Amino acid sequence: MVNVKFSTSEGKFVGVECTGHCDYVAEGEDIVCAALSSVIQTAVLGLMSVVGINVGYETDADTGYLKAILPKSLSKSDAHDADVILRTAYLGVSDLHETFSDYISLEVE
């Protein structure tokens, strides 16, 4: 199972952390993992490449670990844009979680 945790501060989304593997089907054919990875990785790319935020970013493919945390000091505009991107990613993951809750756990803290 993949555990997905979105972090918030003062009502704004400020990060996401994923651990584990979906194990829906065999590695390389796992459409649930592919969908989840696409949502999260696209959000991180948006934060870094579109908004231009230097995101604290860690990954470990072996353990299925990904963590992306926003820096503490962002302009009001960048904080807004980052919140929109992460909130949209949350909606995508939430939709996947509804259908595949045996393979994805989701929390917001």
C-alpha atoms as a PDB file:
ATOM      1  CA  MET A   1       0.000   0.000   0.000  1.00  0.00           C
ATOM      2  CA  VAL A   2       1.096   3.561  -0.674  1.00  0.00           C
ATOM      3  CA  ASN A   3       0.616   6.015   2.170  1.00  0.00           C
ATOM      4  CA  VAL A   4       0.091   9.574   0.936  1.00  0.00           C
ATOM      5  CA  LYS A   5       0.202  12.445   3.407  1.00  0.00           C
ATOM      6  CA  PHE A   6      -0.422  16.057   2.446  1.00  0.00           C
ATOM      7  CA  SER A   7       0.848  18.671   4.906  1.00  0.00           C
ATOM      8  CA  THR A   8      -0.905  21.951   5.577  1.00  0.00           C
ATOM      9  CA  SER A   9      -0.097  25.126   7.463  1.00  0.00           C
ATOM     10  CA  GLU A  10      -2.610  27.868   8.209  1.00  0.00           C
ATOM     11  CA  GLY A  11      -5.102  26.264   5.816  1.00  0.00           C
ATOM     12  CA  LYS A  12      -2.662  26.081   2.900  1.00  0.00           C
ATOM     13  CA  PHE A  13      -1.118  22.953   1.394  1.00  0.00           C
ATOM     14  CA  VAL A  14       2.653  23.017   1.942  1.00  0.00           C
ATOM     15  CA  GLY A  15       3.906  19.526   1.076  1.00  0.00           C
ATOM     16  CA  VAL A  16       3.299  15.911   0.214  1.00  0.00           C
ATOM     17  CA  GLU A  17       4.943  12.673   1.296  1.00  0.00           C
ATOM     18  CA  CYS A  18       4.409   9.203  -0.218  1.00  0.00           C
ATOM     19  CA  THR A  19       5.755   5.903   1.073  1.00  0.00           C
ATOM     20  CA  GLY A  20       5.322   2.347  -0.129  1.00  0.00           C
ATOM     21  CA  HIS A  21       4.172   0.587  -3.274  1.00  0.00           C
ATOM     22  CA  CYS A  22       0.614   0.039  -4.509  1.00  0.00           C
ATOM     23  CA  ASP A  23       1.029  -3.672  -5.309  1.00  0.00           C
ATOM     24  CA  TYR A  24      -2.178  -3.561  -7.366  1.00  0.00           C
ATOM     25  CA  VAL A  25      -0.572  -5.858  -9.967  1.00  0.00           C
ATOM     26  CA  ALA A  26       2.975  -6.823 -10.952  1.00  0.00           C
ATOM     27  CA  GLU A  27       5.650  -4.125 -11.033  1.00  0.00           C
ATOM     28  CA  GLY A  28       5.779  -2.484 -14.437  1.00  0.00           C
ATOM     29  CA  GLU A  29       2.081  -3.134 -15.069  1.00  0.00           C
ATOM     30  CA  ASP A  30       0.624  -1.375 -12.018  1.00  0.00           C
ATOM     31  CA  ILE A  31      -1.791   1.221 -13.381  1.00  0.00           C
ATOM     32  CA  VAL A  32      -2.713   2.439  -9.893  1.00  0.00           C
ATOM     33  CA  CYS A  33       0.922   3.167  -9.100  1.00  0.00           C
ATOM     34  CA  ALA A  34       1.389   4.827 -12.491  1.00  0.00           C
ATOM     35  CA  ALA A  35      -1.648   7.052 -12.004  1.00  0.00           C
ATOM     36  CA  LEU A  36      -0.670   8.036  -8.472  1.00  0.00           C
ATOM     37  CA  SER A  37       2.942   8.702  -9.480  1.00  0.00           C
ATOM     38  CA  SER A  38       1.822  10.849 -12.397  1.00  0.00           C
ATOM     39  CA  VAL A  39      -0.381  13.036 -10.214  1.00  0.00           C
ATOM     40  CA  ILE A  40       2.273  13.579  -7.547  1.00  0.00           C
ATOM     41  CA  GLN A  41       5.244  14.002  -9.889  1.00  0.00           C
ATOM     42  CA  THR A  42       3.336  16.434 -12.122  1.00  0.00           C
ATOM     43  CA  ALA A  43       2.514  18.532  -9.063  1.00  0.00           C
ATOM     44  CA  VAL A  44       6.174  18.606  -8.008  1.00  0.00           C
ATOM     45  CA  LEU A  45       7.226  19.549 -11.556  1.00  0.00           C
ATOM     46  CA  GLY A  46       4.641  22.335 -11.530  1.00  0.00           C
ATOM     47  CA  LEU A  47       5.956  23.683  -8.248  1.00  0.00           C
ATOM     48  CA  MET A  48       9.559  23.654  -9.471  1.00  0.00           C
ATOM     49  CA  SER A  49       9.264  24.445 -13.180  1.00  0.00           C
ATOM     50  CA  VAL A  50       6.102  26.526 -13.507  1.00  0.00           C
ATOM     51  CA  VAL A  51       6.076  28.442 -10.220  1.00  0.00           C
ATOM     52  CA  GLY A  52       9.870  28.344  -9.828  1.00  0.00           C
ATOM     53  CA  ILE A  53       9.959  27.221  -6.202  1.00  0.00           C
ATOM     54  CA  ASN A  54      13.087  25.517  -4.866  1.00  0.00           C
ATOM     55  CA  VAL A  55      11.180  22.616  -3.306  1.00  0.00           C
ATOM     56  CA  GLY A  56      12.818  20.406  -0.692  1.00  0.00           C
ATOM     57  CA  TYR A  57      12.620  17.138  -2.613  1.00  0.00           C
ATOM     58  CA  GLU A  58      13.666  13.586  -1.673  1.00  0.00           C
ATOM     59  CA  THR A  59      13.021  10.238  -3.372  1.00  0.00           C
ATOM     60  CA  ASP A  60      13.923   6.577  -2.978  1.00  0.00           C
ATOM     61  CA  ALA A  61      12.581   4.334  -5.753  1.00  0.00           C
ATOM     62  CA  ASP A  62      13.317   1.134  -3.839  1.00  0.00           C
ATOM     63  CA  THR A  63      11.039   2.034  -0.944  1.00  0.00           C
ATOM     64  CA  GLY A  64       8.583   4.094  -3.006  1.00  0.00           C
ATOM     65  CA  TYR A  65       9.446   7.228  -1.037  1.00  0.00           C
ATOM     66  CA  LEU A  66       8.843  10.766  -2.250  1.00  0.00           C
ATOM     67  CA  LYS A  67       8.744  13.900  -0.162  1.00  0.00           C
ATOM     68  CA  ALA A  68       8.272  17.444  -1.422  1.00  0.00           C
ATOM     69  CA  ILE A  69       8.071  20.286   1.096  1.00  0.00           C
ATOM     70  CA  LEU A  70       7.781  23.987   0.330  1.00  0.00           C
ATOM     71  CA  PRO A  71      10.304  26.379   1.846  1.00  0.00           C
ATOM     72  CA  LYS A  72       9.016  28.387   4.818  1.00  0.00           C
ATOM     73  CA  SER A  73       9.448  31.767   3.161  1.00  0.00           C
ATOM     74  CA  LEU A  74       7.507  32.230  -0.063  1.00  0.00           C
ATOM     75  CA  SER A  75       6.030  35.321  -1.627  1.00  0.00           C
ATOM     76  CA  LYS A  76       2.260  35.604  -1.264  1.00  0.00           C
ATOM     77  CA  SER A  77       1.882  34.903  -4.980  1.00  0.00           C
ATOM     78  CA  ASP A  78       4.111  31.789  -4.925  1.00  0.00           C
ATOM     79  CA  ALA A  79       2.369  30.500  -1.794  1.00  0.00           C
ATOM     80  CA  HIS A  80      -0.984  30.894  -3.530  1.00  0.00           C
ATOM     81  CA  ASP A  81       0.200  29.137  -6.690  1.00  0.00           C
ATOM     82  CA  ALA A  82       1.786  26.320  -4.689  1.00  0.00           C
ATOM     83  CA  ASP A  83      -1.418  25.844  -2.713  1.00  0.00           C
ATOM     84  CA  VAL A  84      -3.432  25.608  -5.936  1.00  0.00           C
ATOM     85  CA  ILE A  85      -1.062  23.002  -7.385  1.00  0.00           C
ATOM     86  CA  LEU A  86      -0.914  20.875  -4.217  1.00  0.00           C
ATOM     87  CA  ARG A  87      -4.667  21.183  -3.624  1.00  0.00           C
ATOM     88  CA  THR A  88      -5.266  19.977  -7.194  1.00  0.00           C
ATOM     89  CA  ALA A  89      -2.888  17.051  -6.616  1.00  0.00           C
ATOM     90  CA  TYR A  90      -4.819  16.254  -3.436  1.00  0.00           C
ATOM     91  CA  LEU A  91      -8.057  16.127  -5.439  1.00  0.00           C
ATOM     92  CA  GLY A  92      -6.443  13.751  -7.954  1.00  0.00           C
ATOM     93  CA  VAL A  93      -5.119  11.469  -5.216  1.00  0.00           C
ATOM     94  CA  SER A  94      -8.449  11.645  -3.381  1.00  0.00           C
ATOM     95  CA  ASP A  95     -10.244  10.480  -6.515  1.00  0.00           C
ATOM     96  CA  LEU A  96      -7.835   7.550  -6.886  1.00  0.00           C
ATOM     97  CA  HIS A  97      -8.213   6.760  -3.184  1.00  0.00           C
ATOM     98  CA  GLU A  98     -11.998   6.510  -3.538  1.00  0.00           C
ATOM     99  CA  THR A  99     -11.662   3.710  -6.086  1.00  0.00           C
ATOM    100  CA  PHE A 100      -8.459   2.052  -4.858  1.00  0.00           C
ATOM    101  CA  SER A 101      -8.555   2.478  -1.066  1.00  0.00           C
ATOM    102  CA  ASP A 102      -7.142  -1.045  -0.624  1.00  0.00           C
ATOM    103  CA  TYR A 103      -3.937   0.201  -2.275  1.00  0.00           C
ATOM    104  CA  ILE A 104      -3.733   3.895  -1.311  1.00  0.00           C
ATOM    105  CA  SER A 105      -4.127   5.484   2.123  1.00  0.00           C
ATOM    106  CA  LEU A 106      -4.620   9.255   2.234  1.00  0.00           C
ATOM    107  CA  GLU A 107      -4.365  11.791   5.014  1.00  0.00           C
ATOM    108  CA  VAL A 108      -4.064  15.529   5.445  1.00  0.00           C
ATOM    109  CA  GLU A 109      -2.303  16.941   8.472  1.00  0.00           C
END
